[in-house]
Amino acid sequence: MLTGLRALDSSRPSDQHNLVDWAKPYLSDRRKLPRLLDPRLEGRYPSKGAVLAAQLTLRCLSGDPKSRPSMEEVLAVLKEVENMKSRPKEGGDASPRPGPRRNNRGSSGLGPGQPSPRIRFF
């Protein structure tokens, strides 16, 4: 949801085939988080919302099932993130994410006439 990438993708570099394994270090470090986010967002998302979504993701990935949030908690956090105002970041784009990105929709990743994506959960 945050990256715009598939969970498993063998066309990515070998250390990035499994999205969860590759993304965990980025999710737990707010300075690295922008490198993980879908570049098609072009930095147009609330930073606090991205951090909340990353923290939620880490909780969902917990090895201990009792530490994982209930679906009610997940829904509450996602609604909170969705209701945040988006503030453009200074300078536009966030830091680029490592590795090549595969897409068949042109260099911007969007088809003709399509608006830039927003973090949207429903």
PDB file of N, CA and C in Angstrom:
ATOM      1  N   MET A   1       0.817  -1.184   0.000  1.00  0.00           N
ATOM      2  CA  MET A   1       0.000   0.000   0.000  1.00  0.00           C
ATOM      3  C   MET A   1       0.870   1.261   0.000  1.00  0.00           C
ATOM      4  N   LEU A   2       1.953   1.243   0.729  1.00  0.00           N
ATOM      5  CA  LEU A   2       2.829   2.417   0.793  1.00  0.00           C
ATOM      6  C   LEU A   2       3.789   2.494  -0.385  1.00  0.00           C
ATOM      7  N   THR A   3       4.216   1.349  -0.869  1.00  0.00           N
ATOM      8  CA  THR A   3       5.270   1.319  -1.872  1.00  0.00           C
ATOM      9  C   THR A   3       4.765   1.304  -3.306  1.00  0.00           C
ATOM     10  N   GLY A   4       3.590   0.777  -3.519  1.00  0.00           N
ATOM     11  CA  GLY A   4       3.100   0.591  -4.883  1.00  0.00           C
ATOM     12  C   GLY A   4       3.726  -0.635  -5.537  1.00  0.00           C
ATOM     13  N   LEU A   5       4.419  -1.453  -4.754  1.00  0.00           N
ATOM     14  CA  LEU A   5       5.097  -2.639  -5.284  1.00  0.00           C
ATOM     15  C   LEU A   5       4.351  -3.914  -4.924  1.00  0.00           C
ATOM     16  N   ARG A   6       4.625  -4.981  -5.676  1.00  0.00           N
ATOM     17  CA  ARG A   6       4.052  -6.295  -5.378  1.00  0.00           C
ATOM     18  C   ARG A   6       4.782  -6.918  -4.195  1.00  0.00           C
ATOM     19  N   ALA A   7       4.077  -7.770  -3.449  1.00  0.00           N
ATOM     20  CA  ALA A   7       4.668  -8.414  -2.272  1.00  0.00           C
ATOM     21  C   ALA A   7       5.851  -9.298  -2.658  1.00  0.00           C
ATOM     22  N   LEU A   8       5.735 -10.004  -3.759  1.00  0.00           N
ATOM     23  CA  LEU A   8       6.823 -10.835  -4.289  1.00  0.00           C
ATOM     24  C   LEU A   8       7.017 -10.461  -5.744  1.00  0.00           C
ATOM     25  N   ASP A   9       8.249 -10.183  -6.129  1.00  0.00           N
ATOM     26  CA  ASP A   9       8.523  -9.769  -7.499  1.00  0.00           C
ATOM     27  C   ASP A   9       9.932 -10.204  -7.876  1.00  0.00           C
ATOM     28  N   SER A  10      10.027 -11.274  -8.627  1.00  0.00           N
ATOM     29  CA  SER A  10      11.340 -11.811  -9.011  1.00  0.00           C
ATOM     30  C   SER A  10      12.042 -10.963 -10.070  1.00  0.00           C
ATOM     31  N   SER A  11      11.373  -9.957 -10.619  1.00  0.00           N
ATOM     32  CA  SER A  11      12.034  -9.086 -11.602  1.00  0.00           C
ATOM     33  C   SER A  11      12.857  -7.993 -10.915  1.00  0.00           C
ATOM     34  N   ARG A  12      12.691  -7.836  -9.603  1.00  0.00           N
ATOM     35  CA  ARG A  12      13.473  -6.855  -8.854  1.00  0.00           C
ATOM     36  C   ARG A  12      14.801  -7.488  -8.462  1.00  0.00           C
ATOM     37  N   PRO A  13      15.785  -6.690  -8.042  1.00  0.00           N
ATOM     38  CA  PRO A  13      17.066  -7.259  -7.600  1.00  0.00           C
ATOM     39  C   PRO A  13      16.841  -8.311  -6.508  1.00  0.00           C
ATOM     40  N   SER A  14      17.723  -9.297  -6.436  1.00  0.00           N
ATOM     41  CA  SER A  14      17.496 -10.457  -5.561  1.00  0.00           C
ATOM     42  C   SER A  14      17.239 -10.079  -4.106  1.00  0.00           C
ATOM     43  N   ASP A  15      17.883  -9.039  -3.604  1.00  0.00           N
ATOM     44  CA  ASP A  15      17.654  -8.654  -2.208  1.00  0.00           C
ATOM     45  C   ASP A  15      16.332  -7.910  -2.016  1.00  0.00           C
ATOM     46  N   GLN A  16      15.600  -7.676  -3.115  1.00  0.00           N
ATOM     47  CA  GLN A  16      14.323  -6.968  -3.046  1.00  0.00           C
ATOM     48  C   GLN A  16      13.148  -7.816  -3.536  1.00  0.00           C
ATOM     49  N   HIS A  17      13.373  -9.123  -3.784  1.00  0.00           N
ATOM     50  CA  HIS A  17      12.289  -9.992  -4.257  1.00  0.00           C
ATOM     51  C   HIS A  17      11.124 -10.005  -3.276  1.00  0.00           C
ATOM     52  N   ASN A  18      11.426 -10.130  -1.982  1.00  0.00           N
ATOM     53  CA  ASN A  18      10.397 -10.187  -0.948  1.00  0.00           C
ATOM     54  C   ASN A  18      10.233  -8.788  -0.356  1.00  0.00           C
ATOM     55  N   LEU A  19       9.089  -8.173  -0.613  1.00  0.00           N
ATOM     56  CA  LEU A  19       8.854  -6.797  -0.198  1.00  0.00           C
ATOM     57  C   LEU A  19       8.974  -6.621   1.316  1.00  0.00           C
ATOM     58  N   VAL A  20       8.443  -7.555   2.089  1.00  0.00           N
ATOM     59  CA  VAL A  20       8.483  -7.435   3.554  1.00  0.00           C
ATOM     60  C   VAL A  20       9.925  -7.414   4.049  1.00  0.00           C
ATOM     61  N   ASP A  21      10.733  -8.353   3.577  1.00  0.00           N
ATOM     62  CA  ASP A  21      12.132  -8.408   4.018  1.00  0.00           C
ATOM     63  C   ASP A  21      12.896  -7.143   3.640  1.00  0.00           C
ATOM     64  N   TRP A  22      12.636  -6.651   2.442  1.00  0.00           N
ATOM     65  CA  TRP A  22      13.340  -5.462   1.967  1.00  0.00           C
ATOM     66  C   TRP A  22      12.856  -4.201   2.687  1.00  0.00           C
ATOM     67  N   ALA A  23      11.557  -4.112   2.963  1.00  0.00           N
ATOM     68  CA  ALA A  23      10.969  -2.872   3.472  1.00  0.00           C
ATOM     69  C   ALA A  23      11.120  -2.665   4.977  1.00  0.00           C
ATOM     70  N   LYS A  24      11.262  -3.721   5.760  1.00  0.00           N
ATOM     71  CA  LYS A  24      11.276  -3.569   7.225  1.00  0.00           C
ATOM     72  C   LYS A  24      12.258  -2.513   7.735  1.00  0.00           C
ATOM     73  N   PRO A  25      13.501  -2.479   7.270  1.00  0.00           N
ATOM     74  CA  PRO A  25      14.411  -1.440   7.782  1.00  0.00           C
ATOM     75  C   PRO A  25      13.947  -0.012   7.452  1.00  0.00           C
ATOM     76  N   TYR A  26      13.259   0.160   6.345  1.00  0.00           N
ATOM     77  CA  TYR A  26      12.758   1.481   5.958  1.00  0.00           C
ATOM     78  C   TYR A  26      11.549   1.867   6.808  1.00  0.00           C
ATOM     79  N   LEU A  27      10.724   0.878   7.153  1.00  0.00           N
ATOM     80  CA  LEU A  27       9.527   1.140   7.950  1.00  0.00           C
ATOM     81  C   LEU A  27       9.864   1.601   9.361  1.00  0.00           C
ATOM     82  N   SER A  28      10.966   1.112   9.888  1.00  0.00           N
ATOM     83  CA  SER A  28      11.304   1.403  11.278  1.00  0.00           C
ATOM     84  C   SER A  28      12.201   2.635  11.442  1.00  0.00           C
ATOM     85  N   ASP A  29      12.535   3.304  10.350  1.00  0.00           N
ATOM     86  CA  ASP A  29      13.402   4.480  10.425  1.00  0.00           C
ATOM     87  C   ASP A  29      12.735   5.637   9.661  1.00  0.00           C
ATOM     88  N   ARG A  30      12.244   6.622  10.400  1.00  0.00           N
ATOM     89  CA  ARG A  30      11.497   7.707   9.753  1.00  0.00           C
ATOM     90  C   ARG A  30      12.334   8.499   8.754  1.00  0.00           C
ATOM     91  N   ARG A  31      13.664   8.485   8.886  1.00  0.00           N
ATOM     92  CA  ARG A  31      14.505   9.182   7.893  1.00  0.00           C
ATOM     93  C   ARG A  31      14.587   8.394   6.592  1.00  0.00           C
ATOM     94  N   LYS A  32      14.487   7.073   6.667  1.00  0.00           N
ATOM     95  CA  LYS A  32      14.554   6.236   5.463  1.00  0.00           C
ATOM     96  C   LYS A  32      13.181   6.029   4.824  1.00  0.00           C
ATOM     97  N   LEU A  33      12.123   6.273   5.581  1.00  0.00           N
ATOM     98  CA  LEU A  33      10.763   5.991   5.108  1.00  0.00           C
ATOM     99  C   LEU A  33      10.438   6.621   3.748  1.00  0.00           C
ATOM    100  N   PRO A  34      10.803   7.874   3.485  1.00  0.00           N
ATOM    101  CA  PRO A  34      10.466   8.450   2.172  1.00  0.00           C
ATOM    102  C   PRO A  34      11.034   7.662   0.992  1.00  0.00           C
ATOM    103  N   ARG A  35      12.151   6.960   1.189  1.00  0.00           N
ATOM    104  CA  ARG A  35      12.732   6.152   0.098  1.00  0.00           C
ATOM    105  C   ARG A  35      11.877   4.928  -0.221  1.00  0.00           C
ATOM    106  N   LEU A  36      11.031   4.538   0.721  1.00  0.00           N
ATOM    107  CA  LEU A  36      10.181   3.367   0.557  1.00  0.00           C
ATOM    108  C   LEU A  36       8.873   3.706  -0.151  1.00  0.00           C
ATOM    109  N   LEU A  37       8.415   4.923   0.006  1.00  0.00           N
ATOM    110  CA  LEU A  37       7.100   5.307  -0.494  1.00  0.00           C
ATOM    111  C   LEU A  37       7.059   5.393  -2.014  1.00  0.00           C
ATOM    112  N   ASP A  38       5.893   5.103  -2.545  1.00  0.00           N
ATOM    113  CA  ASP A  38       5.667   5.114  -3.990  1.00  0.00           C
ATOM    114  C   ASP A  38       6.080   6.467  -4.568  1.00  0.00           C
ATOM    115  N   PRO A  39       7.023   6.495  -5.503  1.00  0.00           N
ATOM    116  CA  PRO A  39       7.477   7.773  -6.065  1.00  0.00           C
ATOM    117  C   PRO A  39       6.380   8.507  -6.831  1.00  0.00           C
ATOM    118  N   ARG A  40       5.329   7.799  -7.246  1.00  0.00           N
ATOM    119  CA  ARG A  40       4.232   8.467  -7.947  1.00  0.00           C
ATOM    120  C   ARG A  40       3.468   9.417  -7.028  1.00  0.00           C
ATOM    121  N   LEU A  41       3.683   9.298  -5.712  1.00  0.00           N
ATOM    122  CA  LEU A  41       3.076  10.249  -4.776  1.00  0.00           C
ATOM    123  C   LEU A  41       3.752  11.612  -4.856  1.00  0.00           C
ATOM    124  N   GLU A  42       4.971  11.631  -5.406  1.00  0.00           N
ATOM    125  CA  GLU A  42       5.736  12.859  -5.631  1.00  0.00           C
ATOM    126  C   GLU A  42       5.826  13.728  -4.376  1.00  0.00           C
ATOM    127  N   GLY A  43       5.962  13.077  -3.215  1.00  0.00           N
ATOM    128  CA  GLY A  43       6.113  13.807  -1.968  1.00  0.00           C
ATOM    129  C   GLY A  43       4.840  14.449  -1.453  1.00  0.00           C
ATOM    130  N   ARG A  44       3.711  14.202  -2.109  1.00  0.00           N
ATOM    131  CA  ARG A  44       2.446  14.820  -1.700  1.00  0.00           C
ATOM    132  C   ARG A  44       1.673  13.894  -0.775  1.00  0.00           C
ATOM    133  N   TYR A  45       2.105  13.848   0.464  1.00  0.00           N
ATOM    134  CA  TYR A  45       1.428  13.067   1.500  1.00  0.00           C
ATOM    135  C   TYR A  45       1.843  13.660   2.838  1.00  0.00           C
ATOM    136  N   PRO A  46       0.995  13.519   3.842  1.00  0.00           N
ATOM    137  CA  PRO A  46       1.381  14.032   5.155  1.00  0.00           C
ATOM    138  C   PRO A  46       2.441  13.129   5.775  1.00  0.00           C
ATOM    139  N   SER A  47       3.545  13.715   6.189  1.00  0.00           N
ATOM    140  CA  SER A  47       4.639  12.928   6.773  1.00  0.00           C
ATOM    141  C   SER A  47       4.166  12.131   7.978  1.00  0.00           C
ATOM    142  N   LYS A  48       3.350  12.761   8.810  1.00  0.00           N
ATOM    143  CA  LYS A  48       2.843  12.060   9.991  1.00  0.00           C
ATOM    144  C   LYS A  48       1.991  10.852   9.577  1.00  0.00           C
ATOM    145  N   GLY A  49       1.230  10.994   8.516  1.00  0.00           N
ATOM    146  CA  GLY A  49       0.412   9.891   8.007  1.00  0.00           C
ATOM    147  C   GLY A  49       1.267   8.735   7.521  1.00  0.00           C
ATOM    148  N   ALA A  50       2.354   9.057   6.848  1.00  0.00           N
ATOM    149  CA  ALA A  50       3.265   8.011   6.371  1.00  0.00           C
ATOM    150  C   ALA A  50       3.891   7.268   7.551  1.00  0.00           C
ATOM    151  N   VAL A  51       4.274   8.013   8.585  1.00  0.00           N
ATOM    152  CA  VAL A  51       4.869   7.393   9.776  1.00  0.00           C
ATOM    153  C   VAL A  51       3.846   6.506  10.479  1.00  0.00           C
ATOM    154  N   LEU A  52       2.608   6.992  10.623  1.00  0.00           N
ATOM    155  CA  LEU A  52       1.564   6.184  11.261  1.00  0.00           C
ATOM    156  C   LEU A  52       1.296   4.906  10.466  1.00  0.00           C
ATOM    157  N   ALA A  53       1.226   5.021   9.149  1.00  0.00           N
ATOM    158  CA  ALA A  53       0.991   3.846   8.305  1.00  0.00           C
ATOM    159  C   ALA A  53       2.157   2.864   8.408  1.00  0.00           C
ATOM    160  N   ALA A  54       3.389   3.377   8.476  1.00  0.00           N
ATOM    161  CA  ALA A  54       4.562   2.509   8.620  1.00  0.00           C
ATOM    162  C   ALA A  54       4.544   1.797   9.967  1.00  0.00           C
ATOM    163  N   GLN A  55       4.201   2.521  11.031  1.00  0.00           N
ATOM    164  CA  GLN A  55       4.125   1.896  12.359  1.00  0.00           C
ATOM    165  C   GLN A  55       3.045   0.823  12.391  1.00  0.00           C
ATOM    166  N   LEU A  56       1.924   1.101  11.765  1.00  0.00           N
ATOM    167  CA  LEU A  56       0.848   0.112  11.682  1.00  0.00           C
ATOM    168  C   LEU A  56       1.319  -1.124  10.925  1.00  0.00           C
ATOM    169  N   THR A  57       2.013  -0.905   9.826  1.00  0.00           N
ATOM    170  CA  THR A  57       2.529  -2.025   9.031  1.00  0.00           C
ATOM    171  C   THR A  57       3.455  -2.895   9.862  1.00  0.00           C
ATOM    172  N   LEU A  58       4.356  -2.282  10.612  1.00  0.00           N
ATOM    173  CA  LEU A  58       5.269  -3.056  11.464  1.00  0.00           C
ATOM    174  C   LEU A  58       4.498  -3.864  12.506  1.00  0.00           C
ATOM    175  N   ARG A  59       3.456  -3.274  13.085  1.00  0.00           N
ATOM    176  CA  ARG A  59       2.647  -4.013  14.057  1.00  0.00           C
ATOM    177  C   ARG A  59       1.956  -5.201  13.395  1.00  0.00           C
ATOM    178  N   CYS A  60       1.485  -5.018  12.171  1.00  0.00           N
ATOM    179  CA  CYS A  60       0.817  -6.097  11.439  1.00  0.00           C
ATOM    180  C   CYS A  60       1.788  -7.228  11.100  1.00  0.00           C
ATOM    181  N   LEU A  61       3.062  -6.900  10.958  1.00  0.00           N
ATOM    182  CA  LEU A  61       4.083  -7.893  10.604  1.00  0.00           C
ATOM    183  C   LEU A  61       4.709  -8.567  11.821  1.00  0.00           C
ATOM    184  N   SER A  62       4.236  -8.248  13.012  1.00  0.00           N
ATOM    185  CA  SER A  62       4.806  -8.814  14.230  1.00  0.00           C
ATOM    186  C   SER A  62       4.769 -10.339  14.195  1.00  0.00           C
ATOM    187  N   GLY A  63       5.860 -10.946  14.649  1.00  0.00           N
ATOM    188  CA  GLY A  63       5.932 -12.404  14.716  1.00  0.00           C
ATOM    189  C   GLY A  63       4.989 -12.981  15.755  1.00  0.00           C
ATOM    190  N   ASP A  64       4.658 -12.197  16.768  1.00  0.00           N
ATOM    191  CA  ASP A  64       3.748 -12.631  17.829  1.00  0.00           C
ATOM    192  C   ASP A  64       2.327 -12.205  17.465  1.00  0.00           C
ATOM    193  N   PRO A  65       1.449 -13.153  17.165  1.00  0.00           N
ATOM    194  CA  PRO A  65       0.088 -12.799  16.760  1.00  0.00           C
ATOM    195  C   PRO A  65      -0.647 -11.916  17.774  1.00  0.00           C
ATOM    196  N   LYS A  66      -0.335 -12.059  19.054  1.00  0.00           N
ATOM    197  CA  LYS A  66      -1.007 -11.257  20.074  1.00  0.00           C
ATOM    198  C   LYS A  66      -0.580  -9.789  20.020  1.00  0.00           C
ATOM    199  N   SER A  67       0.564  -9.521  19.394  1.00  0.00           N
ATOM    200  CA  SER A  67       1.052  -8.144  19.261  1.00  0.00           C
ATOM    201  C   SER A  67       0.473  -7.438  18.042  1.00  0.00           C
ATOM    202  N   ARG A  68      -0.163  -8.195  17.158  1.00  0.00           N
ATOM    203  CA  ARG A  68      -0.731  -7.600  15.948  1.00  0.00           C
ATOM    204  C   ARG A  68      -2.025  -6.864  16.279  1.00  0.00           C
ATOM    205  N   PRO A  69      -2.306  -5.775  15.561  1.00  0.00           N
ATOM    206  CA  PRO A  69      -3.536  -5.030  15.827  1.00  0.00           C
ATOM    207  C   PRO A  69      -4.768  -5.779  15.320  1.00  0.00           C
ATOM    208  N   SER A  70      -5.891  -5.502  15.956  1.00  0.00           N
ATOM    209  CA  SER A  70      -7.157  -6.061  15.465  1.00  0.00           C
ATOM    210  C   SER A  70      -7.538  -5.312  14.185  1.00  0.00           C
ATOM    211  N   MET A  71      -8.456  -5.863  13.429  1.00  0.00           N
ATOM    212  CA  MET A  71      -8.909  -5.170  12.220  1.00  0.00           C
ATOM    213  C   MET A  71      -9.588  -3.845  12.587  1.00  0.00           C
ATOM    214  N   GLU A  72     -10.205  -3.796  13.759  1.00  0.00           N
ATOM    215  CA  GLU A  72     -10.812  -2.554  14.224  1.00  0.00           C
ATOM    216  C   GLU A  72      -9.736  -1.481  14.419  1.00  0.00           C
ATOM    217  N   GLU A  73      -8.592  -1.871  15.014  1.00  0.00           N
ATOM    218  CA  GLU A  73      -7.481  -0.928  15.194  1.00  0.00           C
ATOM    219  C   GLU A  73      -6.905  -0.500  13.850  1.00  0.00           C
ATOM    220  N   VAL A  74      -6.745  -1.460  12.936  1.00  0.00           N
ATOM    221  CA  VAL A  74      -6.212  -1.158  11.600  1.00  0.00           C
ATOM    222  C   VAL A  74      -7.110  -0.133  10.917  1.00  0.00           C
ATOM    223  N   LEU A  75      -8.396  -0.378  10.952  1.00  0.00           N
ATOM    224  CA  LEU A  75      -9.343   0.536  10.308  1.00  0.00           C
ATOM    225  C   LEU A  75      -9.279   1.930  10.933  1.00  0.00           C
ATOM    226  N   ALA A  76      -9.193   1.991  12.260  1.00  0.00           N
ATOM    227  CA  ALA A  76      -9.131   3.294  12.941  1.00  0.00           C
ATOM    228  C   ALA A  76      -7.890   4.078  12.521  1.00  0.00           C
ATOM    229  N   VAL A  77      -6.731   3.418  12.454  1.00  0.00           N
ATOM    230  CA  VAL A  77      -5.498   4.109  12.062  1.00  0.00           C
ATOM    231  C   VAL A  77      -5.574   4.544  10.599  1.00  0.00           C
ATOM    232  N   LEU A  78      -6.073   3.678   9.726  1.00  0.00           N
ATOM    233  CA  LEU A  78      -6.162   4.039   8.313  1.00  0.00           C
ATOM    234  C   LEU A  78      -7.123   5.207   8.089  1.00  0.00           C
ATOM    235  N   LYS A  79      -8.212   5.239   8.848  1.00  0.00           N
ATOM    236  CA  LYS A  79      -9.131   6.388   8.741  1.00  0.00           C
ATOM    237  C   LYS A  79      -8.446   7.661   9.215  1.00  0.00           C
ATOM    238  N   GLU A  80      -7.665   7.555  10.292  1.00  0.00           N
ATOM    239  CA  GLU A  80      -6.933   8.715  10.806  1.00  0.00           C
ATOM    240  C   GLU A  80      -5.952   9.233   9.752  1.00  0.00           C
ATOM    241  N   VAL A  81      -5.233   8.316   9.104  1.00  0.00           N
ATOM    242  CA  VAL A  81      -4.276   8.707   8.063  1.00  0.00           C
ATOM    243  C   VAL A  81      -5.005   9.356   6.893  1.00  0.00           C
ATOM    244  N   GLU A  82      -6.109   8.762   6.484  1.00  0.00           N
ATOM    245  CA  GLU A  82      -6.847   9.301   5.340  1.00  0.00           C
ATOM    246  C   GLU A  82      -7.371  10.710   5.612  1.00  0.00           C
ATOM    247  N   ASN A  83      -7.712  10.993   6.850  1.00  0.00           N
ATOM    248  CA  ASN A  83      -8.271  12.300   7.196  1.00  0.00           C
ATOM    249  C   ASN A  83      -7.227  13.392   7.372  1.00  0.00           C
ATOM    250  N   MET A  84      -5.962  13.046   7.329  1.00  0.00           N
ATOM    251  CA  MET A  84      -4.901  14.047   7.477  1.00  0.00           C
ATOM    252  C   MET A  84      -4.793  14.876   6.211  1.00  0.00           C
ATOM    253  N   LYS A  85      -4.472  16.126   6.386  1.00  0.00           N
ATOM    254  CA  LYS A  85      -4.259  17.018   5.244  1.00  0.00           C
ATOM    255  C   LYS A  85      -2.898  16.720   4.638  1.00  0.00           C
ATOM    256  N   SER A  86      -2.839  16.679   3.322  1.00  0.00           N
ATOM    257  CA  SER A  86      -1.576  16.462   2.627  1.00  0.00           C
ATOM    258  C   SER A  86      -0.855  17.790   2.474  1.00  0.00           C
ATOM    259  N   ARG A  87       0.404  17.812   2.893  1.00  0.00           N
ATOM    260  CA  ARG A  87       1.229  19.007   2.750  1.00  0.00           C
ATOM    261  C   ARG A  87       2.399  18.677   1.841  1.00  0.00           C
ATOM    262  N   PRO A  88       2.543  19.379   0.704  1.00  0.00           N
ATOM    263  CA  PRO A  88       3.683  19.107  -0.172  1.00  0.00           C
ATOM    264  C   PRO A  88       4.998  19.335   0.568  1.00  0.00           C
ATOM    265  N   LYS A  89       5.949  18.469   0.267  1.00  0.00           N
ATOM    266  CA  LYS A  89       7.272  18.614   0.880  1.00  0.00           C
ATOM    267  C   LYS A  89       8.065  19.644   0.123  1.00  0.00           C
ATOM    268  N   GLU A  90       8.963  20.323   0.830  1.00  0.00           N
ATOM    269  CA  GLU A  90       9.846  21.306   0.197  1.00  0.00           C
ATOM    270  C   GLU A  90      10.713  20.584  -0.825  1.00  0.00           C
ATOM    271  N   GLY A  91      10.854  21.148  -1.997  1.00  0.00           N
ATOM    272  CA  GLY A  91      11.727  20.564  -3.004  1.00  0.00           C
ATOM    273  C   GLY A  91      11.078  19.457  -3.808  1.00  0.00           C
ATOM    274  N   GLY A  92       9.829  19.115  -3.534  1.00  0.00           N
ATOM    275  CA  GLY A  92       9.129  18.131  -4.365  1.00  0.00           C
ATOM    276  C   GLY A  92       9.362  16.705  -3.943  1.00  0.00           C
ATOM    277  N   ASP A  93      10.084  15.948  -4.749  1.00  0.00           N
ATOM    278  CA  ASP A  93      10.222  14.517  -4.551  1.00  0.00           C
ATOM    279  C   ASP A  93      10.975  14.150  -3.291  1.00  0.00           C
ATOM    280  N   ALA A  94      10.607  13.007  -2.747  1.00  0.00           N
ATOM    281  CA  ALA A  94      11.351  12.418  -1.638  1.00  0.00           C
ATOM    282  C   ALA A  94      12.577  11.729  -2.231  1.00  0.00           C
ATOM    283  N   SER A  95      13.463  11.262  -1.386  1.00  0.00           N
ATOM    284  CA  SER A  95      14.655  10.565  -1.869  1.00  0.00           C
ATOM    285  C   SER A  95      14.248   9.369  -2.703  1.00  0.00           C
ATOM    286  N   PRO A  96      14.996   9.067  -3.756  1.00  0.00           N
ATOM    287  CA  PRO A  96      14.628   7.932  -4.597  1.00  0.00           C
ATOM    288  C   PRO A  96      14.830   6.626  -3.855  1.00  0.00           C
ATOM    289  N   ARG A  97      14.001   5.651  -4.168  1.00  0.00           N
ATOM    290  CA  ARG A  97      14.152   4.343  -3.548  1.00  0.00           C
ATOM    291  C   ARG A  97      15.196   3.560  -4.324  1.00  0.00           C
ATOM    292  N   PRO A  98      15.908   2.666  -3.681  1.00  0.00           N
ATOM    293  CA  PRO A  98      16.936   1.902  -4.373  1.00  0.00           C
ATOM    294  C   PRO A  98      16.333   0.883  -5.324  1.00  0.00           C
ATOM    295  N   GLY A  99      17.083   0.554  -6.348  1.00  0.00           N
ATOM    296  CA  GLY A  99      16.683  -0.507  -7.275  1.00  0.00           C
ATOM    297  C   GLY A  99      15.760   0.004  -8.361  1.00  0.00           C
ATOM    298  N   PRO A 100      15.712  -0.706  -9.477  1.00  0.00           N
ATOM    299  CA  PRO A 100      14.868  -0.298 -10.594  1.00  0.00           C
ATOM    300  C   PRO A 100      13.406  -0.570 -10.304  1.00  0.00           C
ATOM    301  N   ARG A 101      12.557   0.205 -10.918  1.00  0.00           N
ATOM    302  CA  ARG A 101      11.115   0.029 -10.768  1.00  0.00           C
ATOM    303  C   ARG A 101      10.571  -0.376 -12.118  1.00  0.00           C
ATOM    304  N   ARG A 102       9.818  -1.433 -12.153  1.00  0.00           N
ATOM    305  CA  ARG A 102       9.270  -1.942 -13.388  1.00  0.00           C
ATOM    306  C   ARG A 102       7.852  -1.420 -13.552  1.00  0.00           C
ATOM    307  N   ASN A 103       7.602  -0.754 -14.676  1.00  0.00           N
ATOM    308  CA  ASN A 103       6.227  -0.373 -14.965  1.00  0.00           C
ATOM    309  C   ASN A 103       6.091  -0.184 -16.461  1.00  0.00           C
ATOM    310  N   ASN A 104       4.909  -0.396 -16.959  1.00  0.00           N
ATOM    311  CA  ASN A 104       4.657  -0.316 -18.390  1.00  0.00           C
ATOM    312  C   ASN A 104       3.794   0.893 -18.725  1.00  0.00           C
ATOM    313  N   ARG A 105       3.819   1.932 -17.882  1.00  0.00           N
ATOM    314  CA  ARG A 105       2.931   3.068 -18.099  1.00  0.00           C
ATOM    315  C   ARG A 105       3.690   4.344 -18.389  1.00  0.00           C
ATOM    316  N   GLY A 106       4.877   4.249 -18.934  1.00  0.00           N
ATOM    317  CA  GLY A 106       5.625   5.457 -19.240  1.00  0.00           C
ATOM    318  C   GLY A 106       6.518   5.851 -18.093  1.00  0.00           C
ATOM    319  N   SER A 107       7.303   6.887 -18.298  1.00  0.00           N
ATOM    320  CA  SER A 107       8.304   7.267 -17.311  1.00  0.00           C
ATOM    321  C   SER A 107       7.707   7.789 -16.024  1.00  0.00           C
ATOM    322  N   SER A 108       6.531   8.390 -16.053  1.00  0.00           N
ATOM    323  CA  SER A 108       5.941   8.914 -14.826  1.00  0.00           C
ATOM    324  C   SER A 108       5.220   7.835 -14.045  1.00  0.00           C
ATOM    325  N   GLY A 109       4.949   6.686 -14.699  1.00  0.00           N
ATOM    326  CA  GLY A 109       4.209   5.627 -14.035  1.00  0.00           C
ATOM    327  C   GLY A 109       2.708   5.824 -14.145  1.00  0.00           C
ATOM    328  N   LEU A 110       2.260   6.900 -14.776  1.00  0.00           N
ATOM    329  CA  LEU A 110       0.842   7.179 -14.918  1.00  0.00           C
ATOM    330  C   LEU A 110       0.485   7.193 -16.389  1.00  0.00           C
ATOM    331  N   GLY A 111      -0.703   6.750 -16.701  1.00  0.00           N
ATOM    332  CA  GLY A 111      -1.174   6.803 -18.071  1.00  0.00           C
ATOM    333  C   GLY A 111      -1.560   8.223 -18.422  1.00  0.00           C
ATOM    334  N   PRO A 112      -1.808   8.484 -19.690  1.00  0.00           N
ATOM    335  CA  PRO A 112      -2.167   9.834 -20.112  1.00  0.00           C
ATOM    336  C   PRO A 112      -3.430  10.316 -19.412  1.00  0.00           C
ATOM    337  N   GLY A 113      -3.380  11.542 -18.922  1.00  0.00           N
ATOM    338  CA  GLY A 113      -4.546  12.150 -18.310  1.00  0.00           C
ATOM    339  C   GLY A 113      -4.893  11.656 -16.923  1.00  0.00           C
ATOM    340  N   GLN A 114      -4.082  10.751 -16.355  1.00  0.00           N
ATOM    341  CA  GLN A 114      -4.382  10.240 -15.020  1.00  0.00           C
ATOM    342  C   GLN A 114      -3.809  11.174 -13.971  1.00  0.00           C
ATOM    343  N   PRO A 115      -4.596  11.449 -12.920  1.00  0.00           N
ATOM    344  CA  PRO A 115      -4.063  12.303 -11.853  1.00  0.00           C
ATOM    345  C   PRO A 115      -3.027  11.542 -11.037  1.00  0.00           C
ATOM    346  N   SER A 116      -2.154  12.274 -10.371  1.00  0.00           N
ATOM    347  CA  SER A 116      -1.177  11.651  -9.490  1.00  0.00           C
ATOM    348  C   SER A 116      -1.910  10.959  -8.354  1.00  0.00           C
ATOM    349  N   PRO A 117      -1.412   9.790  -7.897  1.00  0.00           N
ATOM    350  CA  PRO A 117      -2.104   9.057  -6.842  1.00  0.00           C
ATOM    351  C   PRO A 117      -1.957   9.739  -5.483  1.00  0.00           C
ATOM    352  N   ARG A 118      -2.892   9.469  -4.601  1.00  0.00           N
ATOM    353  CA  ARG A 118      -2.843   9.881  -3.204  1.00  0.00           C
ATOM    354  C   ARG A 118      -2.859   8.622  -2.381  1.00  0.00           C
ATOM    355  N   ILE A 119      -2.408   8.719  -1.155  1.00  0.00           N
ATOM    356  CA  ILE A 119      -2.575   7.570  -0.269  1.00  0.00           C
ATOM    357  C   ILE A 119      -4.067   7.500   0.011  1.00  0.00           C
ATOM    358  N   ARG A 120      -4.679   6.442  -0.401  1.00  0.00           N
ATOM    359  CA  ARG A 120      -6.127   6.278  -0.259  1.00  0.00           C
ATOM    360  C   ARG A 120      -6.368   4.851   0.187  1.00  0.00           C
ATOM    361  N   PHE A 121      -7.203   4.648   1.159  1.00  0.00           N
ATOM    362  CA  PHE A 121      -7.377   3.340   1.738  1.00  0.00           C
ATOM    363  C   PHE A 121      -8.736   2.720   1.480  1.00  0.00           C
ATOM    364  N   PHE A 122      -9.701   3.480   1.000  1.00  0.00           N
ATOM    365  CA  PHE A 122     -11.041   2.924   0.797  1.00  0.00           C
ATOM    366  C   PHE A 122     -11.536   3.211  -0.582  1.00  0.00           C
TER     367      PHE A 122
END
